[in-house]
């Protein structure tokens, strides 16, 4: 099986973390997102993956060139992003008649076999993996008939009028015929362009919830939750570095003698936590400095951030400094 892994986005929702590194190369509790995703694709039976890149494409290409991966990687550079469907159209010579399309900003363990069964039964052009969301206005909402046929798409509808909470989760089984009519080099998006056109032509699209873990790490909140879920053991990386102990991963070299750690915690290299601090369910990224006697809970401290001494951030919401 072949796959297209979409990695050309700018990652603006995760700024400033993505100001100096493209989102696919972001680390999650010690491992690199794109590496984990490619290993997951291999576990699904993928032997060749086309990976596109635009924003900081050199870094992605260099990483893939040096990574030890059990599948063939073809890198597709885009001087200007072509959109989700436009990128797939560009890669068709390497993908064959039927292939997977996977969005590169998700940490995922979604299976493909339930989708493939539906895909075959309905003879669908594209079969879409769905997952529940609490924020329909930030997702592409998919409405289906009882047999799994897609009846309608609602791209990012207002929460108060959304007709469903089942969202496009960024995994498709796709046939060449779904995108081959697009012109090479033409910008096109699956949700905004291709899916409505296919439905308007009466072609069959299908969708279902295959189960499995899925987390959009494209926002600070989603990223922090993904880190927590890895640190707590909810999700095991394909390449576990073995350094997570009781929900804690410490990669910096400082002393923690006068620092209280509770719940999950990850300190990246070059992070500095000062004396007298209490940290619960926190991620402190490289170059961040936390002043003396701070109390932080459910907090993501971005790279290079300076937290003033005696700062208190302790509520039920995820706080991003």
Protein backbone atom coordinates (compact mmCIF):
# COMPACT_ATOMS: atom_id res chain seq x y z
CA UNK A 1 0.00 0.00 0.00
CA UNK A 2 1.12 3.56 -0.75
CA UNK A 3 0.40 6.67 1.30
CA UNK A 4 0.57 10.45 1.01
CA UNK A 5 1.63 12.19 4.24
CA UNK A 6 0.69 15.88 4.13
CA UNK A 7 3.33 18.03 5.84
CA UNK A 8 3.34 21.34 3.96
CA UNK A 9 1.38 23.47 6.46
CA UNK A 10 2.84 26.53 8.19
CA UNK A 11 1.91 25.40 11.71
CA UNK A 12 0.71 28.88 12.68
CA UNK A 13 -1.66 27.58 15.38
CA UNK A 14 1.33 26.16 17.28
CA UNK A 15 3.49 29.28 17.09
CA UNK A 16 6.02 30.10 18.52
CA UNK A 17 7.04 26.43 18.74
CA UNK A 18 6.79 26.19 14.94
CA UNK A 19 8.62 29.46 14.27
CA UNK A 20 11.93 27.60 14.10
CA UNK A 21 10.88 24.03 13.32
CA UNK A 22 8.18 22.70 10.96
CA UNK A 23 5.27 21.04 12.72
CA UNK A 24 6.06 17.49 11.53
CA UNK A 25 9.44 17.74 13.30
CA UNK A 26 7.97 18.85 16.60
CA UNK A 27 8.89 16.53 19.45
CA UNK A 28 6.21 15.03 21.68
CA UNK A 29 7.54 13.85 25.04
CA UNK A 30 10.89 13.06 23.47
CA UNK A 31 10.02 11.61 20.05
CA UNK A 32 9.51 13.25 16.66
CA UNK A 33 5.95 13.38 15.30
CA UNK A 34 6.73 12.55 11.65
CA UNK A 35 8.86 9.55 12.63
CA UNK A 36 6.07 8.12 14.77
CA UNK A 37 3.49 8.72 12.03
CA UNK A 38 5.58 6.94 9.40
CA UNK A 39 6.08 3.97 11.70
CA UNK A 40 2.32 3.85 12.24
CA UNK A 41 1.76 3.87 8.47
CA UNK A 42 4.21 0.99 8.16
CA UNK A 43 2.21 -0.93 10.77
CA UNK A 44 -0.86 -0.46 8.53
CA UNK A 45 0.93 -2.09 5.61
CA UNK A 46 2.33 1.00 3.88
CA UNK A 47 5.59 0.31 2.03
CA UNK A 48 5.99 3.69 0.27
CA UNK A 49 5.09 7.14 1.56
CA UNK A 50 5.19 10.42 -0.35
CA UNK A 51 5.86 13.27 2.09
CA UNK A 52 5.39 16.85 0.94
CA UNK A 53 6.96 19.93 2.42
CA UNK A 54 6.90 23.68 1.86
CA UNK A 55 7.46 25.62 5.09
CA UNK A 56 11.08 24.87 6.14
CA UNK A 57 11.11 22.03 3.61
CA UNK A 58 14.89 21.64 3.84
CA UNK A 59 14.62 20.57 7.49
CA UNK A 60 11.98 17.95 6.70
CA UNK A 61 13.93 16.60 3.74
CA UNK A 62 17.16 16.42 5.76
CA UNK A 63 15.41 14.64 8.62
CA UNK A 64 13.87 12.04 6.32
CA UNK A 65 17.19 11.53 4.54
CA UNK A 66 18.86 10.60 7.81
CA UNK A 67 16.02 8.72 9.52
CA UNK A 68 16.11 4.96 9.94
CA UNK A 69 12.68 3.97 8.60
CA UNK A 70 11.31 0.63 7.37
CA UNK A 71 9.53 2.07 4.33
CA UNK A 72 10.47 3.95 1.18
CA UNK A 73 10.17 7.75 1.44
CA UNK A 74 9.67 10.07 -1.54
CA UNK A 75 9.96 13.77 -0.68
CA UNK A 76 7.83 16.23 -2.65
CA UNK A 77 8.94 19.84 -2.34
CA UNK A 78 6.34 22.56 -2.93
CA UNK A 79 7.59 26.10 -3.47
CA UNK A 80 4.05 27.23 -2.69
CA UNK A 81 1.65 24.93 -0.80
CA UNK A 82 -0.75 23.14 -3.15
CA UNK A 83 -3.41 22.33 -0.55
CA UNK A 84 -4.35 18.87 0.63
CA UNK A 85 -5.84 17.67 -2.66
CA UNK A 86 -3.42 19.58 -4.90
CA UNK A 87 -0.48 17.91 -3.17
CA UNK A 88 -2.01 14.47 -3.71
CA UNK A 89 -2.60 15.28 -7.38
CA UNK A 90 1.08 16.17 -7.72
CA UNK A 91 2.11 12.84 -6.16
CA UNK A 92 -0.16 10.59 -8.26
CA UNK A 93 2.72 9.09 -10.31
CA UNK A 94 4.02 7.48 -7.11
CA UNK A 95 0.71 6.48 -5.51
CA UNK A 96 -1.03 4.16 -7.96
CA UNK A 97 -4.77 3.62 -8.26
CA UNK A 98 -5.65 3.50 -4.53
CA UNK A 99 -3.76 4.80 -1.52
CA UNK A 100 -3.97 6.38 1.93
CA UNK A 101 -3.96 10.12 2.57
CA UNK A 102 -2.81 11.13 6.05
CA UNK A 103 -2.60 14.59 7.60
CA UNK A 104 0.78 15.22 9.21
CA UNK A 105 -0.39 17.25 12.21
CA UNK A 106 -2.05 14.35 14.02
CA UNK A 107 -0.63 11.89 16.52
CA UNK A 108 -2.58 8.80 15.59
CA UNK A 109 -3.15 5.11 16.08
CA UNK A 110 -6.30 4.90 13.95
CA UNK A 111 -6.71 1.54 12.15
CA UNK A 112 -7.51 1.36 8.45
CA UNK A 113 -9.19 -2.07 8.17
CA UNK A 114 -12.71 -0.89 9.24
CA UNK A 115 -12.51 1.86 6.62
CA UNK A 116 -11.32 -0.55 3.95
CA UNK A 117 -14.30 -2.83 4.58
CA UNK A 118 -16.70 0.09 4.10
CA UNK A 119 -14.71 1.35 1.11
CA UNK A 120 -15.05 -1.99 -0.66
CA UNK A 121 -18.71 -2.49 0.25
CA UNK A 122 -19.84 0.88 -1.10
CA UNK A 123 -17.30 1.03 -3.94
CA UNK A 124 -16.39 4.50 -2.70
CA UNK A 125 -14.09 7.04 -4.35
CA UNK A 126 -12.89 8.32 -0.97
CA UNK A 127 -13.55 6.83 2.46
CA UNK A 128 -12.94 9.18 5.37
CA UNK A 129 -12.01 8.39 8.96
CA UNK A 130 -14.13 10.29 11.47
CA UNK A 131 -13.61 11.09 15.13
CA UNK A 132 -15.77 12.94 17.67
CA UNK A 133 -14.94 16.57 18.39
CA UNK A 134 -16.05 19.03 21.02
CA UNK A 135 -15.29 21.96 18.70
CA UNK A 136 -17.12 21.53 15.37
CA UNK A 137 -16.27 25.10 14.38
CA UNK A 138 -12.60 24.16 14.06
CA UNK A 139 -13.16 20.98 12.03
CA UNK A 140 -14.71 19.64 8.86
CA UNK A 141 -17.97 18.02 9.96
CA UNK A 142 -19.19 15.04 7.92
CA UNK A 143 -22.83 13.92 7.74
CA UNK A 144 -23.58 10.33 6.69
CA UNK A 145 -26.49 8.07 5.79
CA UNK A 146 -27.11 4.92 7.90
CA UNK A 147 -25.11 2.81 5.42
CA UNK A 148 -22.03 5.04 5.71
CA UNK A 149 -22.49 7.09 2.55
CA UNK A 150 -21.55 10.74 2.96
CA UNK A 151 -24.54 13.02 2.46
CA UNK A 152 -23.03 16.40 3.26
CA UNK A 153 -19.97 18.30 4.46
CA UNK A 154 -19.99 21.26 6.78
CA UNK A 155 -16.56 22.88 6.79
CA UNK A 156 -16.03 24.47 10.24
CA UNK A 157 -19.68 25.24 11.05
CA UNK A 158 -20.50 27.41 14.10
CA UNK A 159 -20.71 25.19 17.19
CA UNK A 160 -24.29 26.24 17.92
CA UNK A 161 -25.62 25.09 14.53
CA UNK A 162 -23.43 22.04 13.87
CA UNK A 163 -25.56 19.02 12.96
CA UNK A 164 -23.00 16.48 14.13
CA UNK A 165 -19.87 16.19 16.24
CA UNK A 166 -18.17 13.71 13.88
CA UNK A 167 -15.23 15.38 12.18
CA UNK A 168 -12.85 14.53 9.39
CA UNK A 169 -9.84 13.16 11.29
CA UNK A 170 -7.35 13.38 8.44
CA UNK A 171 -7.13 9.77 7.24
CA UNK A 172 -8.61 8.74 3.88
CA UNK A 173 -8.63 5.79 1.56
CA UNK A 174 -8.51 7.55 -1.79
CA UNK A 175 -8.77 6.49 -5.41
CA UNK A 176 -6.80 8.17 -8.15
CA UNK A 177 -10.04 9.13 -9.88
CA UNK A 178 -10.95 11.44 -6.99
CA UNK A 179 -8.20 13.94 -7.83
CA UNK A 180 -6.79 13.14 -11.28
CA UNK A 181 -9.02 15.75 -12.97
CA UNK A 182 -7.17 18.52 -11.11
CA UNK A 183 -4.48 20.39 -13.01
CA UNK A 184 -0.88 19.84 -11.92
CA UNK A 185 0.27 22.71 -9.75
CA UNK A 186 -3.32 23.78 -8.98
CA UNK A 187 -4.20 24.59 -5.36
CA UNK A 188 -7.07 22.45 -4.13
CA UNK A 189 -8.40 21.39 -0.74
CA UNK A 190 -10.28 18.15 -0.09
CA UNK A 191 -12.87 19.60 2.29
CA UNK A 192 -13.48 22.90 0.51
CA UNK A 193 -13.11 21.82 -3.11
CA UNK A 194 -12.86 18.14 -3.97
CA UNK A 195 -15.46 16.57 -1.69
CA UNK A 196 -18.26 19.01 -2.65
CA UNK A 197 -17.47 18.51 -6.35
CA UNK A 198 -17.55 14.72 -6.07
CA UNK A 199 -20.84 14.79 -4.15
CA UNK A 200 -22.31 17.21 -6.68
CA UNK A 201 -21.46 14.76 -9.45
CA UNK A 202 -23.23 11.97 -7.59
CA UNK A 203 -20.05 10.02 -6.89
CA UNK A 204 -19.91 7.87 -3.76
CA UNK A 205 -18.02 9.05 -0.70
CA UNK A 206 -18.08 7.10 2.54
CA UNK A 207 -17.14 7.80 6.16
CA UNK A 208 -16.98 5.96 9.46
CA UNK A 209 -15.37 6.10 12.89
CA UNK A 210 -12.64 3.43 12.86
CA UNK A 211 -11.75 3.92 16.53
CA UNK A 212 -8.21 4.15 17.80
CA UNK A 213 -6.36 7.10 19.23
CA UNK A 214 -6.25 10.43 17.38
CA UNK A 215 -5.01 13.81 18.64
CA UNK A 216 -4.58 16.99 16.61
CA UNK A 217 -1.36 18.49 17.96
CA UNK A 218 -1.73 21.67 15.90
CA UNK A 219 -2.71 23.86 18.85
CA UNK A 220 -1.01 24.45 22.18
CA UNK A 221 -3.86 22.70 23.97
CA UNK A 222 -3.79 19.67 21.68
CA UNK A 223 -0.01 19.46 21.87
CA UNK A 224 -0.01 19.57 25.68
CA UNK A 225 -2.71 16.89 25.85
CA UNK A 226 -0.70 14.65 23.49
CA UNK A 227 2.37 15.03 25.70
CA UNK A 228 0.30 14.19 28.78
CA UNK A 229 -1.19 11.12 27.11
CA UNK A 230 2.24 9.81 26.14
CA UNK A 231 3.78 10.54 29.54
CA UNK A 232 0.87 8.90 31.36
CA UNK A 233 1.12 5.75 29.24
CA UNK A 234 -2.15 6.21 27.34
CA UNK A 235 -0.17 6.04 24.12
CA UNK A 236 3.14 4.23 23.63
CA UNK A 237 5.53 5.64 21.01
CA UNK A 238 6.70 3.21 18.35
CA UNK A 239 10.25 4.06 19.37
CA UNK A 240 10.14 4.38 23.14
CA UNK A 241 13.31 5.91 24.51
CA UNK A 242 12.68 4.18 27.84
CA UNK A 243 13.36 7.34 29.86
CA UNK A 244 9.80 8.09 31.01
CA UNK A 245 9.56 7.09 34.67
CA UNK A 246 6.25 7.42 36.55
CA UNK A 247 4.98 9.97 34.04
CA UNK A 248 8.12 12.10 34.15
CA UNK A 249 10.68 12.71 31.40
CA UNK A 250 13.65 14.91 32.30
CA UNK A 251 16.05 15.78 29.49
CA UNK A 252 17.82 18.75 31.06
CA UNK A 253 20.75 18.33 33.44
CA UNK A 254 19.79 20.48 36.42
CA UNK A 255 19.10 19.43 40.00
CA UNK A 256 15.49 18.93 41.09
CA UNK A 257 16.21 18.75 44.83
CA UNK A 258 14.07 21.78 45.70
CA UNK A 259 11.42 21.35 43.01
CA UNK A 260 8.07 19.55 43.38
CA UNK A 261 6.84 17.51 40.40
CA UNK A 262 3.32 16.06 40.32
CA UNK A 263 1.34 14.23 37.67
CA UNK A 264 3.05 14.25 34.29
CA UNK A 265 6.10 16.36 33.49
CA UNK A 266 8.54 16.82 30.62
CA UNK A 267 11.50 19.18 30.64
CA UNK A 268 13.30 19.44 27.31
CA UNK A 269 17.02 20.07 26.97
CA UNK A 270 18.10 23.64 27.71
CA UNK A 271 15.04 24.23 29.92
CA UNK A 272 15.66 25.67 33.38
CA UNK A 273 13.34 25.39 36.39
CA UNK A 274 14.36 27.43 39.42
CA UNK A 275 14.20 26.50 43.10
CA UNK A 276 10.96 26.39 45.03
CA UNK A 277 8.75 25.61 42.02
CA UNK A 278 5.78 23.22 42.03
CA UNK A 279 4.84 21.83 38.61
CA UNK A 280 1.89 19.54 37.84
CA UNK A 281 1.06 18.16 34.38
CA UNK A 282 3.50 20.56 32.74
CA UNK A 283 5.70 20.65 29.65
CA UNK A 284 8.70 23.00 29.66
CA UNK A 285 10.36 23.30 26.26
CA UNK A 286 13.95 24.06 25.32
CA UNK A 287 15.31 27.44 26.35
CA UNK A 288 12.42 28.25 28.70
CA UNK A 289 13.28 29.64 32.13
CA UNK A 290 10.89 29.38 35.08
CA UNK A 291 11.67 31.75 37.93
CA UNK A 292 11.84 30.90 41.64
CA UNK A 293 8.76 29.74 43.58
CA UNK A 294 6.38 29.38 40.65
CA UNK A 295 3.31 27.14 40.89
CA UNK A 296 2.16 25.87 37.49
CA UNK A 297 -0.53 23.33 36.64
CA UNK A 298 -1.57 22.05 33.20
CA UNK A 299 0.87 24.49 31.59
CA UNK A 300 2.84 24.48 28.36
CA UNK A 301 5.89 26.73 28.56
CA UNK A 302 7.01 27.57 25.04
CA UNK A 303 10.67 27.65 23.91
CA UNK A 304 12.63 30.65 25.10
CA UNK A 305 9.88 31.86 27.42
CA UNK A 306 10.77 33.52 30.74
CA UNK A 307 8.24 32.94 33.53
CA UNK A 308 8.57 35.56 36.30
CA UNK A 309 9.22 34.32 39.83
CA UNK A 310 6.21 33.56 42.04
CA UNK A 311 3.91 33.09 39.01
CA UNK A 312 0.78 31.07 39.82
CA UNK A 313 -1.16 29.38 37.02
CA UNK A 314 -3.52 26.91 38.62
CA UNK A 315 -6.93 26.33 37.11
CA UNK A 316 -8.82 23.72 35.11
CA UNK A 317 -7.87 25.24 31.77
CA UNK A 318 -4.75 24.57 29.76
CA UNK A 319 -2.59 27.64 29.99
CA UNK A 320 -0.05 28.48 27.32
CA UNK A 321 2.57 31.07 28.18
